[in-house]
Amino acid sequence: ECAKALLSHGAIAVSAFCAHAAFPPGVENRFCQGG
């Protein structure tokens, strides 16, 4: 939602960094192409 807000206000691209990935199984797929 943060990325979408940035893009809607004129950002040309958004990346992310998180120290700890605590994804439940399968959540990582949602960030890939087609997710």
PDB file of all heavy atoms in Angstrom:
ATOM      1  N   GLU A   1       0.829  -1.208   0.000  1.00  0.00           N
ATOM      2  CA  GLU A   1       0.000   0.000   0.000  1.00  0.00           C
ATOM      3  C   GLU A   1       0.859   1.252   0.000  1.00  0.00           C
ATOM      4  O   GLU A   1       0.520   2.261  -0.633  1.00  0.00           O
ATOM      5  CB  GLU A   1      -0.934  -0.012   1.209  1.00  0.00           C
ATOM      6  CG  GLU A   1      -2.007  -1.083   1.156  1.00  0.00           C
ATOM      7  CD  GLU A   1      -2.855  -0.980  -0.109  1.00  0.00           C
ATOM      8  OE1 GLU A   1      -3.303   0.142  -0.431  1.00  0.00           O
ATOM      9  OE2 GLU A   1      -3.055  -2.018  -0.775  1.00  0.00           O
ATOM     10  N   CYS A   2       1.987   1.200   0.702  1.00  0.00           N
ATOM     11  CA  CYS A   2       2.931   2.315   0.695  1.00  0.00           C
ATOM     12  C   CYS A   2       3.480   2.534  -0.711  1.00  0.00           C
ATOM     13  O   CYS A   2       3.548   3.668  -1.199  1.00  0.00           O
ATOM     14  CB  CYS A   2       4.056   2.049   1.688  1.00  0.00           C
ATOM     15  SG  CYS A   2       5.306   3.345   1.795  1.00  0.00           S
ATOM     16  N   ALA A   3       3.861   1.446  -1.386  1.00  0.00           N
ATOM     17  CA  ALA A   3       4.379   1.556  -2.750  1.00  0.00           C
ATOM     18  C   ALA A   3       3.341   2.141  -3.692  1.00  0.00           C
ATOM     19  O   ALA A   3       3.644   2.999  -4.533  1.00  0.00           O
ATOM     20  CB  ALA A   3       4.820   0.183  -3.240  1.00  0.00           C
ATOM     21  N   LYS A   4       2.094   1.706  -3.563  1.00  0.00           N
ATOM     22  CA  LYS A   4       1.033   2.223  -4.420  1.00  0.00           C
ATOM     23  C   LYS A   4       0.807   3.713  -4.185  1.00  0.00           C
ATOM     24  O   LYS A   4       0.569   4.485  -5.142  1.00  0.00           O
ATOM     25  CB  LYS A   4      -0.261   1.444  -4.184  1.00  0.00           C
ATOM     26  CG  LYS A   4      -0.211   0.009  -4.694  1.00  0.00           C
ATOM     27  CD  LYS A   4      -1.510  -0.720  -4.409  1.00  0.00           C
ATOM     28  CE  LYS A   4      -1.494  -2.134  -4.968  1.00  0.00           C
ATOM     29  NZ  LYS A   4      -2.756  -2.877  -4.660  1.00  0.00           N
ATOM     30  N   ALA A   5       0.888   4.147  -2.926  1.00  0.00           N
ATOM     31  CA  ALA A   5       0.733   5.575  -2.625  1.00  0.00           C
ATOM     32  C   ALA A   5       1.862   6.391  -3.255  1.00  0.00           C
ATOM     33  O   ALA A   5       1.632   7.470  -3.816  1.00  0.00           O
ATOM     34  CB  ALA A   5       0.702   5.784  -1.111  1.00  0.00           C
ATOM     35  N   LEU A   6       3.075   5.873  -3.200  1.00  0.00           N
ATOM     36  CA  LEU A   6       4.217   6.566  -3.793  1.00  0.00           C
ATOM     37  C   LEU A   6       4.069   6.670  -5.315  1.00  0.00           C
ATOM     38  O   LEU A   6       4.298   7.724  -5.910  1.00  0.00           O
ATOM     39  CB  LEU A   6       5.512   5.844  -3.427  1.00  0.00           C
ATOM     40  CG  LEU A   6       5.886   5.824  -1.941  1.00  0.00           C
ATOM     41  CD1 LEU A   6       7.047   4.866  -1.690  1.00  0.00           C
ATOM     42  CD2 LEU A   6       6.236   7.222  -1.436  1.00  0.00           C
ATOM     43  N   LEU A   7       3.684   5.564  -5.933  1.00  0.00           N
ATOM     44  CA  LEU A   7       3.528   5.550  -7.387  1.00  0.00           C
ATOM     45  C   LEU A   7       2.407   6.485  -7.833  1.00  0.00           C
ATOM     46  O   LEU A   7       2.507   7.161  -8.865  1.00  0.00           O
ATOM     47  CB  LEU A   7       3.270   4.124  -7.870  1.00  0.00           C
ATOM     48  CG  LEU A   7       4.459   3.155  -7.739  1.00  0.00           C
ATOM     49  CD1 LEU A   7       3.999   1.709  -7.959  1.00  0.00           C
ATOM     50  CD2 LEU A   7       5.568   3.517  -8.723  1.00  0.00           C
ATOM     51  N   SER A   8       1.338   6.557  -7.041  1.00  0.00           N
ATOM     52  CA  SER A   8       0.218   7.422  -7.404  1.00  0.00           C
ATOM     53  C   SER A   8       0.558   8.899  -7.258  1.00  0.00           C
ATOM     54  O   SER A   8      -0.136   9.754  -7.817  1.00  0.00           O
ATOM     55  CB  SER A   8      -1.006   7.090  -6.544  1.00  0.00           C
ATOM     56  OG  SER A   8      -0.790   7.462  -5.192  1.00  0.00           O
ATOM     57  N   HIS A   9       1.632   9.194  -6.512  1.00  0.00           N
ATOM     58  CA  HIS A   9       2.068  10.584  -6.338  1.00  0.00           C
ATOM     59  C   HIS A   9       3.312  10.897  -7.172  1.00  0.00           C
ATOM     60  O   HIS A   9       4.042  11.842  -6.874  1.00  0.00           O
ATOM     61  CB  HIS A   9       2.338  10.877  -4.866  1.00  0.00           C
ATOM     62  CG  HIS A   9       1.090  11.080  -4.058  1.00  0.00           C
ATOM     63  ND1 HIS A   9       0.288  10.027  -3.657  1.00  0.00           N
ATOM     64  CD2 HIS A   9       0.490  12.218  -3.592  1.00  0.00           C
ATOM     65  CE1 HIS A   9      -0.734  10.503  -2.971  1.00  0.00           C
ATOM     66  NE2 HIS A   9      -0.638  11.823  -2.920  1.00  0.00           N
ATOM     67  N   GLY A  10       3.568  10.103  -8.199  1.00  0.00           N
ATOM     68  CA  GLY A  10       4.581  10.463  -9.179  1.00  0.00           C
ATOM     69  C   GLY A  10       5.901   9.757  -9.090  1.00  0.00           C
ATOM     70  O   GLY A  10       6.813  10.051  -9.878  1.00  0.00           O
ATOM     71  N   ALA A  11       6.063   8.799  -8.173  1.00  0.00           N
ATOM     72  CA  ALA A  11       7.313   8.026  -8.141  1.00  0.00           C
ATOM     73  C   ALA A  11       7.442   7.231  -9.433  1.00  0.00           C
ATOM     74  O   ALA A  11       6.458   6.696  -9.945  1.00  0.00           O
ATOM     75  CB  ALA A  11       7.326   7.088  -6.944  1.00  0.00           C
ATOM     76  N   ILE A  12       8.667   7.136  -9.958  1.00  0.00           N
ATOM     77  CA  ILE A  12       8.855   6.412 -11.216  1.00  0.00           C
ATOM     78  C   ILE A  12       9.071   4.923 -10.984  1.00  0.00           C
ATOM     79  O   ILE A  12       8.835   4.112 -11.879  1.00  0.00           O
ATOM     80  CB  ILE A  12      10.036   7.000 -12.023  1.00  0.00           C
ATOM     81  CG1 ILE A  12      11.338   6.946 -11.214  1.00  0.00           C
ATOM     82  CG2 ILE A  12       9.726   8.428 -12.452  1.00  0.00           C
ATOM     83  CD1 ILE A  12      12.553   7.363 -12.009  1.00  0.00           C
ATOM     84  N   ALA A  13       9.495   4.546  -9.773  1.00  0.00           N
ATOM     85  CA  ALA A  13       9.684   3.131  -9.433  1.00  0.00           C
ATOM     86  C   ALA A  13       9.845   3.024  -7.922  1.00  0.00           C
ATOM     87  O   ALA A  13      10.220   3.992  -7.250  1.00  0.00           O
ATOM     88  CB  ALA A  13      10.902   2.543 -10.136  1.00  0.00           C
ATOM     89  N   VAL A  14       9.569   1.826  -7.398  1.00  0.00           N
ATOM     90  CA  VAL A  14       9.702   1.573  -5.963  1.00  0.00           C
ATOM     91  C   VAL A  14      10.373   0.214  -5.760  1.00  0.00           C
ATOM     92  O   VAL A  14      10.004  -0.773  -6.406  1.00  0.00           O
ATOM     93  CB  VAL A  14       8.335   1.577  -5.254  1.00  0.00           C
ATOM     94  CG1 VAL A  14       8.517   1.305  -3.757  1.00  0.00           C
ATOM     95  CG2 VAL A  14       7.619   2.906  -5.457  1.00  0.00           C
ATOM     96  N   SER A  15      11.371   0.180  -4.886  1.00  0.00           N
ATOM     97  CA  SER A  15      11.970  -1.063  -4.420  1.00  0.00           C
ATOM     98  C   SER A  15      11.771  -1.130  -2.910  1.00  0.00           C
ATOM     99  O   SER A  15      11.242  -0.194  -2.299  1.00  0.00           O
ATOM    100  CB  SER A  15      13.460  -1.128  -4.786  1.00  0.00           C
ATOM    101  OG  SER A  15      13.633  -1.198  -6.188  1.00  0.00           O
ATOM    102  N   ALA A  16      12.161  -2.230  -2.298  1.00  0.00           N
ATOM    103  CA  ALA A  16      11.973  -2.380  -0.860  1.00  0.00           C
ATOM    104  C   ALA A  16      13.153  -3.120  -0.252  1.00  0.00           C
ATOM    105  O   ALA A  16      13.809  -3.930  -0.919  1.00  0.00           O
ATOM    106  CB  ALA A  16      10.677  -3.127  -0.562  1.00  0.00           C
ATOM    107  N   PHE A  17      13.406  -2.824   1.034  1.00  0.00           N
ATOM    108  CA  PHE A  17      14.394  -3.577   1.810  1.00  0.00           C
ATOM    109  C   PHE A  17      13.807  -3.859   3.179  1.00  0.00           C
ATOM    110  O   PHE A  17      13.323  -2.948   3.862  1.00  0.00           O
ATOM    111  CB  PHE A  17      15.700  -2.807   1.980  1.00  0.00           C
ATOM    112  CG  PHE A  17      16.611  -3.425   3.027  1.00  0.00           C
ATOM    113  CD1 PHE A  17      17.255  -4.624   2.777  1.00  0.00           C
ATOM    114  CD2 PHE A  17      16.796  -2.820   4.261  1.00  0.00           C
ATOM    115  CE1 PHE A  17      18.067  -5.219   3.735  1.00  0.00           C
ATOM    116  CE2 PHE A  17      17.616  -3.395   5.229  1.00  0.00           C
ATOM    117  CZ  PHE A  17      18.254  -4.600   4.961  1.00  0.00           C
ATOM    118  N   CYS A  18      13.841  -5.117   3.588  1.00  0.00           N
ATOM    119  CA  CYS A  18      13.446  -5.513   4.937  1.00  0.00           C
ATOM    120  C   CYS A  18      14.539  -6.393   5.527  1.00  0.00           C
ATOM    121  O   CYS A  18      15.046  -7.294   4.855  1.00  0.00           O
ATOM    122  CB  CYS A  18      12.122  -6.262   4.932  1.00  0.00           C
ATOM    123  SG  CYS A  18      10.696  -5.170   4.767  1.00  0.00           S
ATOM    124  N   ALA A  19      14.868  -6.101   6.771  1.00  0.00           N
ATOM    125  CA  ALA A  19      15.918  -6.886   7.431  1.00  0.00           C
ATOM    126  C   ALA A  19      15.517  -8.349   7.548  1.00  0.00           C
ATOM    127  O   ALA A  19      16.333  -9.243   7.325  1.00  0.00           O
ATOM    128  CB  ALA A  19      16.208  -6.299   8.802  1.00  0.00           C
ATOM    129  N   HIS A  20      14.259  -8.593   7.911  1.00  0.00           N
ATOM    130  CA  HIS A  20      13.826  -9.957   8.200  1.00  0.00           C
ATOM    131  C   HIS A  20      12.590 -10.309   7.371  1.00  0.00           C
ATOM    132  O   HIS A  20      11.546  -9.665   7.502  1.00  0.00           O
ATOM    133  CB  HIS A  20      13.496 -10.114   9.687  1.00  0.00           C
ATOM    134  CG  HIS A  20      14.579  -9.634  10.593  1.00  0.00           C
ATOM    135  ND1 HIS A  20      15.852 -10.172  10.573  1.00  0.00           N
ATOM    136  CD2 HIS A  20      14.597  -8.652  11.534  1.00  0.00           C
ATOM    137  CE1 HIS A  20      16.595  -9.555  11.475  1.00  0.00           C
ATOM    138  NE2 HIS A  20      15.866  -8.636  12.063  1.00  0.00           N
ATOM    139  N   ALA A  21      12.723 -11.317   6.527  1.00  0.00           N
ATOM    140  CA  ALA A  21      11.588 -11.835   5.767  1.00  0.00           C
ATOM    141  C   ALA A  21      10.912 -12.920   6.593  1.00  0.00           C
ATOM    142  O   ALA A  21      11.499 -13.971   6.849  1.00  0.00           O
ATOM    143  CB  ALA A  21      12.062 -12.397   4.428  1.00  0.00           C
ATOM    144  N   ALA A  22       9.685 -12.644   7.018  1.00  0.00           N
ATOM    145  CA  ALA A  22       8.956 -13.596   7.866  1.00  0.00           C
ATOM    146  C   ALA A  22       7.688 -14.062   7.162  1.00  0.00           C
ATOM    147  O   ALA A  22       6.640 -14.214   7.775  1.00  0.00           O
ATOM    148  CB  ALA A  22       8.616 -12.941   9.201  1.00  0.00           C
ATOM    149  N   PHE A  23       7.801 -14.303   5.850  1.00  0.00           N
ATOM    150  CA  PHE A  23       6.645 -14.680   5.051  1.00  0.00           C
ATOM    151  C   PHE A  23       6.068 -16.030   5.482  1.00  0.00           C
ATOM    152  O   PHE A  23       6.810 -17.016   5.588  1.00  0.00           O
ATOM    153  CB  PHE A  23       7.017 -14.807   3.567  1.00  0.00           C
ATOM    154  CG  PHE A  23       7.578 -13.560   2.953  1.00  0.00           C
ATOM    155  CD1 PHE A  23       8.709 -13.625   2.146  1.00  0.00           C
ATOM    156  CD2 PHE A  23       6.976 -12.337   3.153  1.00  0.00           C
ATOM    157  CE1 PHE A  23       9.229 -12.497   1.558  1.00  0.00           C
ATOM    158  CE2 PHE A  23       7.489 -11.193   2.565  1.00  0.00           C
ATOM    159  CZ  PHE A  23       8.617 -11.266   1.764  1.00  0.00           C
ATOM    160  N   PRO A  24       4.749 -16.121   5.670  1.00  0.00           N
ATOM    161  CA  PRO A  24       4.127 -17.446   5.741  1.00  0.00           C
ATOM    162  C   PRO A  24       4.318 -18.148   4.399  1.00  0.00           C
ATOM    163  O   PRO A  24       4.544 -17.493   3.377  1.00  0.00           O
ATOM    164  CB  PRO A  24       2.644 -17.121   5.997  1.00  0.00           C
ATOM    165  CG  PRO A  24       2.644 -15.732   6.573  1.00  0.00           C
ATOM    166  CD  PRO A  24       3.790 -15.030   5.910  1.00  0.00           C
ATOM    167  N   PRO A  25       4.242 -19.479   4.372  1.00  0.00           N
ATOM    168  CA  PRO A  25       4.477 -20.212   3.116  1.00  0.00           C
ATOM    169  C   PRO A  25       3.603 -19.702   1.969  1.00  0.00           C
ATOM    170  O   PRO A  25       2.397 -19.528   2.112  1.00  0.00           O
ATOM    171  CB  PRO A  25       4.112 -21.657   3.491  1.00  0.00           C
ATOM    172  CG  PRO A  25       4.401 -21.738   4.954  1.00  0.00           C
ATOM    173  CD  PRO A  25       4.019 -20.400   5.513  1.00  0.00           C
ATOM    174  N   GLY A  26       4.250 -19.449   0.840  1.00  0.00           N
ATOM    175  CA  GLY A  26       3.547 -19.022  -0.358  1.00  0.00           C
ATOM    176  C   GLY A  26       3.464 -17.529  -0.566  1.00  0.00           C
ATOM    177  O   GLY A  26       3.238 -17.070  -1.696  1.00  0.00           O
ATOM    178  N   VAL A  27       3.658 -16.739   0.486  1.00  0.00           N
ATOM    179  CA  VAL A  27       3.525 -15.286   0.348  1.00  0.00           C
ATOM    180  C   VAL A  27       4.594 -14.723  -0.580  1.00  0.00           C
ATOM    181  O   VAL A  27       4.346 -13.772  -1.333  1.00  0.00           O
ATOM    182  CB  VAL A  27       3.583 -14.601   1.734  1.00  0.00           C
ATOM    183  CG1 VAL A  27       3.737 -13.084   1.589  1.00  0.00           C
ATOM    184  CG2 VAL A  27       2.335 -14.922   2.529  1.00  0.00           C
ATOM    185  N   GLU A  28       5.784 -15.311  -0.569  1.00  0.00           N
ATOM    186  CA  GLU A  28       6.860 -14.803  -1.421  1.00  0.00           C
ATOM    187  C   GLU A  28       6.477 -14.823  -2.892  1.00  0.00           C
ATOM    188  O   GLU A  28       6.911 -13.951  -3.671  1.00  0.00           O
ATOM    189  CB  GLU A  28       8.153 -15.605  -1.197  1.00  0.00           C
ATOM    190  CG  GLU A  28       8.077 -17.075  -1.567  1.00  0.00           C
ATOM    191  CD  GLU A  28       7.512 -17.958  -0.488  1.00  0.00           C
ATOM    192  OE1 GLU A  28       7.083 -17.441   0.574  1.00  0.00           O
ATOM    193  OE2 GLU A  28       7.480 -19.188  -0.719  1.00  0.00           O
ATOM    194  N   ASN A  29       5.631 -15.757  -3.292  1.00  0.00           N
ATOM    195  CA  ASN A  29       5.212 -15.847  -4.695  1.00  0.00           C
ATOM    196  C   ASN A  29       4.388 -14.641  -5.129  1.00  0.00           C
ATOM    197  O   ASN A  29       4.378 -14.283  -6.307  1.00  0.00           O
ATOM    198  CB  ASN A  29       4.401 -17.124  -4.920  1.00  0.00           C
ATOM    199  CG  ASN A  29       5.219 -18.379  -4.725  1.00  0.00           C
ATOM    200  OD1 ASN A  29       6.029 -18.742  -5.557  1.00  0.00           O
ATOM    201  ND2 ASN A  29       5.020 -19.049  -3.599  1.00  0.00           N
ATOM    202  N   ARG A  30       3.728 -14.012  -4.184  1.00  0.00           N
ATOM    203  CA  ARG A  30       2.844 -12.888  -4.528  1.00  0.00           C
ATOM    204  C   ARG A  30       3.630 -11.659  -4.979  1.00  0.00           C
ATOM    205  O   ARG A  30       3.066 -10.770  -5.628  1.00  0.00           O
ATOM    206  CB  ARG A  30       1.954 -12.542  -3.331  1.00  0.00           C
ATOM    207  CG  ARG A  30       1.095 -13.702  -2.863  1.00  0.00           C
ATOM    208  CD  ARG A  30       0.281 -13.355  -1.633  1.00  0.00           C
ATOM    209  NE  ARG A  30      -0.763 -12.365  -1.930  1.00  0.00           N
ATOM    210  CZ  ARG A  30      -1.601 -11.884  -1.018  1.00  0.00           C
ATOM    211  NH1 ARG A  30      -1.512 -12.283   0.246  1.00  0.00           N
ATOM    212  NH2 ARG A  30      -2.517 -11.004  -1.352  1.00  0.00           N
ATOM    213  N   PHE A  31       4.924 -11.606  -4.656  1.00  0.00           N
ATOM    214  CA  PHE A  31       5.762 -10.460  -5.050  1.00  0.00           C
ATOM    215  C   PHE A  31       6.480 -10.696  -6.380  1.00  0.00           C
ATOM    216  O   PHE A  31       7.160  -9.798  -6.876  1.00  0.00           O
ATOM    217  CB  PHE A  31       6.787 -10.165  -3.959  1.00  0.00           C
ATOM    218  CG  PHE A  31       6.173  -9.722  -2.658  1.00  0.00           C
ATOM    219  CD1 PHE A  31       5.929 -10.643  -1.646  1.00  0.00           C
ATOM    220  CD2 PHE A  31       5.823  -8.396  -2.461  1.00  0.00           C
ATOM    221  CE1 PHE A  31       5.345 -10.245  -0.456  1.00  0.00           C
ATOM    222  CE2 PHE A  31       5.241  -7.996  -1.276  1.00  0.00           C
ATOM    223  CZ  PHE A  31       4.998  -8.915  -0.267  1.00  0.00           C
ATOM    224  N   CYS A  32       6.326 -11.881  -6.938  1.00  0.00           N
ATOM    225  CA  CYS A  32       6.985 -12.207  -8.206  1.00  0.00           C
ATOM    226  C   CYS A  32       6.124 -11.777  -9.392  1.00  0.00           C
ATOM    227  O   CYS A  32       4.963 -11.377  -9.232  1.00  0.00           O
ATOM    228  CB  CYS A  32       7.256 -13.711  -8.283  1.00  0.00           C
ATOM    229  SG  CYS A  32       8.380 -14.302  -7.006  1.00  0.00           S
ATOM    230  N   GLN A  33       6.679 -11.848 -10.586  1.00  0.00           N
ATOM    231  CA  GLN A  33       5.932 -11.498 -11.782  1.00  0.00           C
ATOM    232  C   GLN A  33       4.653 -12.330 -11.862  1.00  0.00           C
ATOM    233  O   GLN A  33       4.678 -13.538 -11.692  1.00  0.00           O
ATOM    234  CB  GLN A  33       6.784 -11.735 -13.028  1.00  0.00           C
ATOM    235  CG  GLN A  33       7.948 -10.762 -13.174  1.00  0.00           C
ATOM    236  CD  GLN A  33       8.660 -10.929 -14.498  1.00  0.00           C
ATOM    237  OE1 GLN A  33       8.082 -11.394 -15.469  1.00  0.00           O
ATOM    238  NE2 GLN A  33       9.933 -10.531 -14.546  1.00  0.00           N
ATOM    239  N   GLY A  34       3.546 -11.645 -12.106  1.00  0.00           N
ATOM    240  CA  GLY A  34       2.254 -12.307 -12.158  1.00  0.00           C
ATOM    241  C   GLY A  34       1.541 -12.360 -10.830  1.00  0.00           C
ATOM    242  O   GLY A  34       0.354 -12.678 -10.780  1.00  0.00           O
ATOM    243  N   GLY A  35       2.257 -12.020  -9.740  1.00  0.00           N
ATOM    244  CA  GLY A  35       1.638 -12.014  -8.419  1.00  0.00           C
ATOM    245  C   GLY A  35       0.856 -10.740  -8.171  1.00  0.00           C
ATOM    246  O   GLY A  35       1.110  -9.702  -8.785  1.00  0.00           O
TER     247      GLY A  35
END
